[in-house]
């Protein structure tokens, strides 16, 4: 018996519940890119780390720069309460997206983390925007 099979796989109903929960709080770079390319962007994409200068140098197209430390009820009041936010940070080594997601959730805002962040975007070979473009 391998280490893989030493603990049996979960029954289907438990696996379904687990993966539905994960997908309710996560999305990935490919899905975000597809939504942007198709014009089906039904979310606000937030780049939640770094300085304005680093954001201008490289960010996901269509993203707004709102560092997680600046997220509060006042800043979020510009969007309707049911707005879905997708947050991302530098990548797997960064917890800025998790911090932003937690703040947004505490404010009662729908939120998903784009797993992989900038690193994942680059790994997918997707183009970045720069100079405020």
N, C-alpha and C. Protein backbone atom coordinates (compact mmCIF):
# COMPACT_ATOMS: atom_id res chain seq x y z
N UNK A 1 0.85 -1.17 0.00
CA UNK A 1 0.00 0.00 0.00
C UNK A 1 0.90 1.24 0.00
N UNK A 2 0.59 2.17 -0.87
CA UNK A 2 1.38 3.40 -0.97
C UNK A 2 0.91 4.43 0.05
N UNK A 3 1.72 5.46 0.21
CA UNK A 3 1.30 6.58 1.06
C UNK A 3 0.08 7.27 0.48
N UNK A 4 -0.09 7.18 -0.84
CA UNK A 4 -1.25 7.80 -1.50
C UNK A 4 -2.54 7.11 -1.08
N UNK A 5 -2.52 5.79 -1.03
CA UNK A 5 -3.75 5.05 -0.76
C UNK A 5 -3.89 4.60 0.70
N UNK A 6 -2.90 4.90 1.54
CA UNK A 6 -2.96 4.48 2.94
C UNK A 6 -4.20 5.02 3.63
N UNK A 7 -4.58 6.23 3.31
CA UNK A 7 -5.84 6.79 3.80
C UNK A 7 -6.80 6.76 2.62
N UNK A 8 -7.90 6.04 2.74
CA UNK A 8 -8.81 5.90 1.61
C UNK A 8 -9.37 7.26 1.15
N UNK A 9 -9.67 7.35 -0.13
CA UNK A 9 -10.32 8.55 -0.67
C UNK A 9 -11.68 8.74 -0.01
N UNK A 10 -12.07 9.98 0.13
CA UNK A 10 -13.36 10.30 0.74
C UNK A 10 -14.50 9.79 -0.13
N UNK A 11 -15.62 9.47 0.49
CA UNK A 11 -16.81 9.13 -0.31
C UNK A 11 -17.19 10.33 -1.18
N UNK A 12 -17.84 10.06 -2.28
CA UNK A 12 -18.17 11.11 -3.24
C UNK A 12 -18.91 12.29 -2.62
N UNK A 13 -19.87 12.04 -1.75
CA UNK A 13 -20.64 13.16 -1.18
C UNK A 13 -19.74 14.07 -0.35
N UNK A 14 -18.75 13.53 0.33
CA UNK A 14 -17.82 14.37 1.09
C UNK A 14 -16.86 15.11 0.17
N UNK A 15 -16.41 14.43 -0.89
CA UNK A 15 -15.51 15.08 -1.85
C UNK A 15 -16.23 16.23 -2.56
N UNK A 16 -17.48 16.01 -2.93
CA UNK A 16 -18.26 17.07 -3.59
C UNK A 16 -18.37 18.28 -2.67
N UNK A 17 -18.74 18.05 -1.42
CA UNK A 17 -18.89 19.16 -0.47
C UNK A 17 -17.56 19.89 -0.28
N UNK A 18 -16.48 19.15 -0.16
CA UNK A 18 -15.15 19.76 0.03
C UNK A 18 -14.76 20.63 -1.16
N UNK A 19 -14.87 20.10 -2.36
CA UNK A 19 -14.43 20.86 -3.53
C UNK A 19 -15.38 22.01 -3.85
N UNK A 20 -16.66 21.88 -3.57
CA UNK A 20 -17.57 23.01 -3.73
C UNK A 20 -17.20 24.13 -2.76
N UNK A 21 -16.84 23.78 -1.52
CA UNK A 21 -16.42 24.80 -0.56
C UNK A 21 -15.16 25.51 -1.05
N UNK A 22 -14.18 24.74 -1.54
CA UNK A 22 -12.94 25.36 -2.03
C UNK A 22 -13.22 26.30 -3.20
N UNK A 23 -14.02 25.84 -4.15
CA UNK A 23 -14.31 26.65 -5.33
C UNK A 23 -15.19 27.85 -5.00
N UNK A 24 -15.84 27.84 -3.85
CA UNK A 24 -16.64 29.00 -3.45
C UNK A 24 -15.76 30.14 -2.93
N UNK A 25 -14.49 29.85 -2.63
CA UNK A 25 -13.59 30.88 -2.11
C UNK A 25 -12.33 31.05 -2.96
N UNK A 26 -12.19 30.25 -4.01
CA UNK A 26 -11.02 30.31 -4.87
C UNK A 26 -11.41 30.31 -6.35
N UNK A 27 -10.57 30.95 -7.14
CA UNK A 27 -10.62 30.83 -8.59
C UNK A 27 -9.17 30.75 -9.04
N UNK A 28 -8.94 30.58 -10.32
CA UNK A 28 -7.55 30.50 -10.77
C UNK A 28 -7.28 31.49 -11.89
N UNK A 29 -6.02 31.63 -12.22
CA UNK A 29 -5.60 32.61 -13.22
C UNK A 29 -6.25 32.35 -14.58
N UNK A 30 -6.34 31.11 -14.96
CA UNK A 30 -6.92 30.76 -16.25
C UNK A 30 -8.38 31.18 -16.34
N UNK A 31 -9.14 30.94 -15.29
CA UNK A 31 -10.56 31.32 -15.30
C UNK A 31 -10.73 32.83 -15.31
N UNK A 32 -9.88 33.54 -14.55
CA UNK A 32 -9.94 35.00 -14.56
C UNK A 32 -9.59 35.52 -15.95
N UNK A 33 -8.53 34.98 -16.56
CA UNK A 33 -8.11 35.42 -17.90
C UNK A 33 -9.22 35.17 -18.92
N UNK A 34 -9.88 34.03 -18.82
CA UNK A 34 -10.96 33.71 -19.75
C UNK A 34 -12.11 34.70 -19.59
N UNK A 35 -12.45 35.04 -18.35
CA UNK A 35 -13.54 36.00 -18.11
C UNK A 35 -13.18 37.37 -18.66
N UNK A 36 -11.92 37.78 -18.48
CA UNK A 36 -11.48 39.07 -19.00
C UNK A 36 -11.51 39.08 -20.53
N UNK A 37 -11.02 38.01 -21.15
CA UNK A 37 -10.93 37.94 -22.61
C UNK A 37 -12.31 37.87 -23.26
N UNK A 38 -13.26 37.23 -22.60
CA UNK A 38 -14.58 37.05 -23.19
C UNK A 38 -15.52 38.22 -22.90
N UNK A 39 -15.07 39.15 -22.08
CA UNK A 39 -15.94 40.26 -21.69
C UNK A 39 -16.97 39.87 -20.66
N UNK A 40 -16.78 38.73 -20.01
CA UNK A 40 -17.72 38.24 -19.00
C UNK A 40 -17.22 38.53 -17.59
N UNK A 41 -16.57 39.65 -17.40
CA UNK A 41 -16.04 40.00 -16.09
C UNK A 41 -17.17 40.47 -15.20
N UNK A 42 -17.62 39.59 -14.33
CA UNK A 42 -18.71 39.90 -13.40
C UNK A 42 -18.17 40.03 -11.97
N UNK A 43 -16.98 40.57 -11.86
CA UNK A 43 -16.29 40.73 -10.59
C UNK A 43 -15.36 41.92 -10.70
N UNK A 44 -14.92 42.40 -9.53
CA UNK A 44 -13.91 43.45 -9.47
C UNK A 44 -12.62 42.77 -9.07
N UNK A 45 -11.60 42.96 -9.88
CA UNK A 45 -10.29 42.33 -9.66
C UNK A 45 -9.40 43.30 -8.89
N UNK A 46 -8.93 42.86 -7.72
CA UNK A 46 -8.12 43.72 -6.87
C UNK A 46 -6.71 43.16 -6.69
N UNK A 47 -5.74 43.99 -6.99
CA UNK A 47 -4.33 43.73 -6.73
C UNK A 47 -4.09 44.28 -5.33
N UNK A 48 -3.84 43.43 -4.35
CA UNK A 48 -3.95 43.85 -2.95
C UNK A 48 -2.61 43.98 -2.21
N UNK A 49 -1.52 44.01 -2.95
CA UNK A 49 -0.20 44.15 -2.32
C UNK A 49 0.65 45.16 -3.08
N UNK A 50 1.73 45.55 -2.44
CA UNK A 50 2.74 46.36 -3.11
C UNK A 50 2.41 47.84 -3.18
N UNK A 51 3.39 48.56 -3.68
CA UNK A 51 3.27 50.01 -3.82
C UNK A 51 2.59 50.35 -5.14
N UNK A 52 2.21 51.61 -5.27
CA UNK A 52 1.65 52.08 -6.53
C UNK A 52 2.65 51.90 -7.66
N UNK A 53 3.92 52.12 -7.36
CA UNK A 53 4.97 51.98 -8.37
C UNK A 53 5.08 50.55 -8.86
N UNK A 54 5.08 49.57 -7.96
CA UNK A 54 5.19 48.18 -8.40
C UNK A 54 3.93 47.76 -9.16
N UNK A 55 2.78 48.28 -8.74
CA UNK A 55 1.54 47.98 -9.48
C UNK A 55 1.64 48.52 -10.90
N UNK A 56 2.10 49.75 -11.06
CA UNK A 56 2.22 50.34 -12.40
C UNK A 56 3.18 49.54 -13.28
N UNK A 57 4.21 48.98 -12.69
CA UNK A 57 5.18 48.20 -13.46
C UNK A 57 4.59 46.89 -13.98
N UNK A 58 3.75 46.23 -13.14
CA UNK A 58 3.26 44.91 -13.56
C UNK A 58 2.05 44.52 -12.73
N UNK A 59 0.94 44.32 -13.43
CA UNK A 59 -0.27 43.84 -12.78
C UNK A 59 -1.13 43.11 -13.81
N UNK A 60 -2.14 42.43 -13.32
CA UNK A 60 -3.08 41.74 -14.19
C UNK A 60 -3.94 42.80 -14.87
N UNK A 61 -4.13 42.70 -16.18
CA UNK A 61 -4.97 43.69 -16.89
C UNK A 61 -6.35 43.80 -16.24
N UNK A 62 -6.82 45.02 -16.11
CA UNK A 62 -8.15 45.25 -15.54
C UNK A 62 -8.19 45.31 -14.03
N UNK A 63 -7.07 45.04 -13.37
CA UNK A 63 -7.05 45.07 -11.91
C UNK A 63 -6.98 46.49 -11.38
N UNK A 64 -7.54 46.67 -10.22
CA UNK A 64 -7.42 47.92 -9.48
C UNK A 64 -6.45 47.68 -8.33
N UNK A 65 -5.66 48.67 -8.00
CA UNK A 65 -4.72 48.53 -6.89
C UNK A 65 -5.38 49.02 -5.61
N UNK A 66 -5.59 48.10 -4.69
CA UNK A 66 -6.13 48.43 -3.38
C UNK A 66 -5.43 47.53 -2.36
N UNK A 67 -4.32 48.00 -1.80
CA UNK A 67 -3.60 47.19 -0.82
C UNK A 67 -4.50 46.73 0.32
N UNK A 68 -4.30 45.51 0.77
CA UNK A 68 -5.19 44.94 1.79
C UNK A 68 -5.23 45.79 3.05
N UNK A 69 -4.17 46.50 3.35
CA UNK A 69 -4.15 47.35 4.55
C UNK A 69 -5.11 48.54 4.42
N UNK A 70 -5.53 48.85 3.22
CA UNK A 70 -6.43 49.98 2.98
C UNK A 70 -7.89 49.58 2.81
N UNK A 71 -8.16 48.30 2.89
CA UNK A 71 -9.54 47.83 2.74
C UNK A 71 -10.30 48.09 4.03
N UNK A 72 -11.36 48.86 3.91
CA UNK A 72 -12.25 49.10 5.04
C UNK A 72 -13.64 49.43 4.47
N UNK A 73 -14.60 49.58 5.35
CA UNK A 73 -15.98 49.81 4.90
C UNK A 73 -16.10 51.06 4.05
N UNK A 74 -15.38 52.10 4.42
CA UNK A 74 -15.44 53.33 3.65
C UNK A 74 -14.95 53.17 2.23
N UNK A 75 -13.82 52.48 2.06
CA UNK A 75 -13.27 52.26 0.71
C UNK A 75 -14.18 51.38 -0.12
N UNK A 76 -14.82 50.42 0.50
CA UNK A 76 -15.64 49.46 -0.25
C UNK A 76 -17.03 50.01 -0.57
N UNK A 77 -17.41 51.13 0.04
CA UNK A 77 -18.75 51.69 -0.15
C UNK A 77 -19.00 52.12 -1.59
N UNK A 78 -17.96 52.25 -2.41
CA UNK A 78 -18.16 52.66 -3.80
C UNK A 78 -18.74 51.56 -4.67
N UNK A 79 -18.80 50.33 -4.15
CA UNK A 79 -19.37 49.22 -4.90
C UNK A 79 -20.62 48.71 -4.20
N UNK A 80 -21.60 48.22 -4.98
CA UNK A 80 -22.78 47.61 -4.37
C UNK A 80 -22.39 46.46 -3.44
N UNK A 81 -23.21 46.21 -2.44
CA UNK A 81 -22.92 45.19 -1.44
C UNK A 81 -22.74 43.79 -2.02
N UNK A 82 -23.39 43.50 -3.14
CA UNK A 82 -23.31 42.15 -3.71
C UNK A 82 -22.19 41.99 -4.75
N UNK A 83 -21.31 42.99 -4.87
CA UNK A 83 -20.20 42.91 -5.81
C UNK A 83 -19.26 41.79 -5.42
N UNK A 84 -18.93 40.94 -6.36
CA UNK A 84 -17.93 39.89 -6.13
C UNK A 84 -16.55 40.48 -6.36
N UNK A 85 -15.67 40.29 -5.38
CA UNK A 85 -14.28 40.72 -5.50
C UNK A 85 -13.40 39.51 -5.69
N UNK A 86 -12.46 39.62 -6.62
CA UNK A 86 -11.42 38.61 -6.79
C UNK A 86 -10.11 39.30 -6.43
N UNK A 87 -9.42 38.75 -5.45
CA UNK A 87 -8.20 39.37 -4.95
C UNK A 87 -7.00 38.50 -5.30
N UNK A 88 -5.87 39.17 -5.54
CA UNK A 88 -4.64 38.42 -5.78
C UNK A 88 -3.46 39.18 -5.20
N UNK A 89 -2.39 38.44 -4.97
CA UNK A 89 -1.17 39.03 -4.44
C UNK A 89 0.00 38.56 -5.29
N UNK A 90 1.19 38.54 -4.71
CA UNK A 90 2.39 38.22 -5.47
C UNK A 90 2.45 36.75 -5.89
N UNK A 91 1.94 35.87 -5.09
CA UNK A 91 1.98 34.45 -5.44
C UNK A 91 1.90 33.57 -4.21
N UNK A 92 2.24 32.30 -4.37
CA UNK A 92 2.08 31.34 -3.28
C UNK A 92 2.89 31.67 -2.02
N UNK A 93 3.91 32.49 -2.17
CA UNK A 93 4.75 32.87 -1.04
C UNK A 93 4.19 34.06 -0.28
N UNK A 94 3.05 34.58 -0.69
CA UNK A 94 2.48 35.82 -0.16
C UNK A 94 1.10 35.53 0.41
N UNK A 95 0.78 36.14 1.55
CA UNK A 95 -0.56 35.93 2.11
C UNK A 95 -1.44 37.18 2.02
N UNK A 96 -1.03 38.14 1.21
CA UNK A 96 -1.81 39.36 1.05
C UNK A 96 -3.22 39.12 0.56
N UNK A 97 -3.38 38.19 -0.37
CA UNK A 97 -4.72 37.89 -0.89
C UNK A 97 -5.60 37.29 0.21
N UNK A 98 -5.03 36.43 1.04
CA UNK A 98 -5.80 35.87 2.14
C UNK A 98 -6.20 36.95 3.14
N UNK A 99 -5.27 37.88 3.41
CA UNK A 99 -5.60 38.98 4.33
C UNK A 99 -6.71 39.85 3.76
N UNK A 100 -6.63 40.15 2.46
CA UNK A 100 -7.67 40.95 1.82
C UNK A 100 -9.01 40.22 1.83
N UNK A 101 -8.98 38.93 1.50
CA UNK A 101 -10.21 38.15 1.46
C UNK A 101 -10.87 38.10 2.84
N UNK A 102 -10.07 37.94 3.87
CA UNK A 102 -10.62 37.92 5.22
C UNK A 102 -11.27 39.26 5.56
N UNK A 103 -10.61 40.36 5.24
CA UNK A 103 -11.19 41.68 5.51
C UNK A 103 -12.50 41.86 4.75
N UNK A 104 -12.51 41.48 3.48
CA UNK A 104 -13.73 41.62 2.69
C UNK A 104 -14.85 40.76 3.23
N UNK A 105 -14.54 39.54 3.60
CA UNK A 105 -15.56 38.65 4.16
C UNK A 105 -16.11 39.21 5.47
N UNK A 106 -15.22 39.77 6.29
CA UNK A 106 -15.69 40.37 7.55
C UNK A 106 -16.59 41.58 7.30
N UNK A 107 -16.42 42.22 6.15
CA UNK A 107 -17.29 43.34 5.76
C UNK A 107 -18.57 42.85 5.09
N UNK A 108 -18.73 41.54 4.98
CA UNK A 108 -19.92 40.96 4.37
C UNK A 108 -19.88 40.96 2.86
N UNK A 109 -18.68 41.08 2.28
CA UNK A 109 -18.53 41.16 0.83
C UNK A 109 -18.19 39.80 0.25
N UNK A 110 -18.82 39.43 -0.89
CA UNK A 110 -18.45 38.20 -1.57
C UNK A 110 -17.01 38.32 -2.10
N UNK A 111 -16.22 37.28 -1.90
CA UNK A 111 -14.82 37.35 -2.30
C UNK A 111 -14.27 35.98 -2.66
N UNK A 112 -13.38 35.98 -3.64
CA UNK A 112 -12.61 34.79 -4.00
C UNK A 112 -11.15 35.20 -4.16
N UNK A 113 -10.26 34.29 -3.85
CA UNK A 113 -8.83 34.49 -4.06
C UNK A 113 -8.45 33.88 -5.40
N UNK A 114 -7.70 34.64 -6.20
CA UNK A 114 -7.14 34.08 -7.43
C UNK A 114 -5.84 33.39 -7.03
N UNK A 115 -5.92 32.07 -6.91
CA UNK A 115 -4.75 31.32 -6.45
C UNK A 115 -3.61 31.45 -7.47
N UNK A 116 -2.42 31.52 -6.94
CA UNK A 116 -1.24 31.68 -7.78
C UNK A 116 -0.78 33.11 -7.89
N UNK A 117 -1.71 34.07 -7.84
CA UNK A 117 -1.37 35.48 -7.92
C UNK A 117 -0.53 35.82 -9.14
N UNK A 118 0.37 36.78 -8.98
CA UNK A 118 1.23 37.20 -10.10
C UNK A 118 2.09 36.05 -10.61
N UNK A 119 2.57 35.22 -9.69
CA UNK A 119 3.39 34.07 -10.09
C UNK A 119 2.60 33.11 -10.96
N UNK A 120 1.38 32.82 -10.56
CA UNK A 120 0.52 31.94 -11.34
C UNK A 120 0.19 32.54 -12.70
N UNK A 121 -0.06 33.84 -12.73
CA UNK A 121 -0.37 34.53 -13.99
C UNK A 121 0.81 34.36 -14.95
N UNK A 122 2.02 34.58 -14.44
CA UNK A 122 3.23 34.42 -15.26
C UNK A 122 3.40 32.97 -15.69
N UNK A 123 3.18 32.03 -14.79
CA UNK A 123 3.31 30.61 -15.12
C UNK A 123 2.36 30.19 -16.23
N UNK A 124 1.21 30.83 -16.31
CA UNK A 124 0.23 30.53 -17.37
C UNK A 124 0.62 31.18 -18.68
N UNK A 125 1.65 32.02 -18.67
CA UNK A 125 2.07 32.71 -19.89
C UNK A 125 1.15 33.85 -20.27
N UNK A 126 0.42 34.37 -19.30
CA UNK A 126 -0.54 35.44 -19.57
C UNK A 126 0.15 36.80 -19.53
N UNK A 127 -0.34 37.72 -20.32
CA UNK A 127 0.28 39.05 -20.43
C UNK A 127 -0.08 39.91 -19.24
N UNK A 128 0.88 40.73 -18.84
CA UNK A 128 0.68 41.71 -17.78
C UNK A 128 0.42 43.06 -18.38
N UNK A 129 -0.22 43.92 -17.62
CA UNK A 129 -0.37 45.32 -17.96
C UNK A 129 0.71 46.09 -17.20
N UNK A 130 1.08 47.24 -17.73
CA UNK A 130 2.06 48.07 -17.04
C UNK A 130 1.78 49.54 -17.33
N UNK A 131 2.47 50.42 -16.60
CA UNK A 131 2.33 51.88 -16.75
C UNK A 131 0.89 52.33 -16.67
N UNK A 132 0.12 51.70 -15.77
CA UNK A 132 -1.27 52.09 -15.58
C UNK A 132 -2.20 51.61 -16.66
N UNK A 133 -1.71 50.84 -17.62
CA UNK A 133 -2.54 50.36 -18.73
C UNK A 133 -3.39 49.19 -18.31
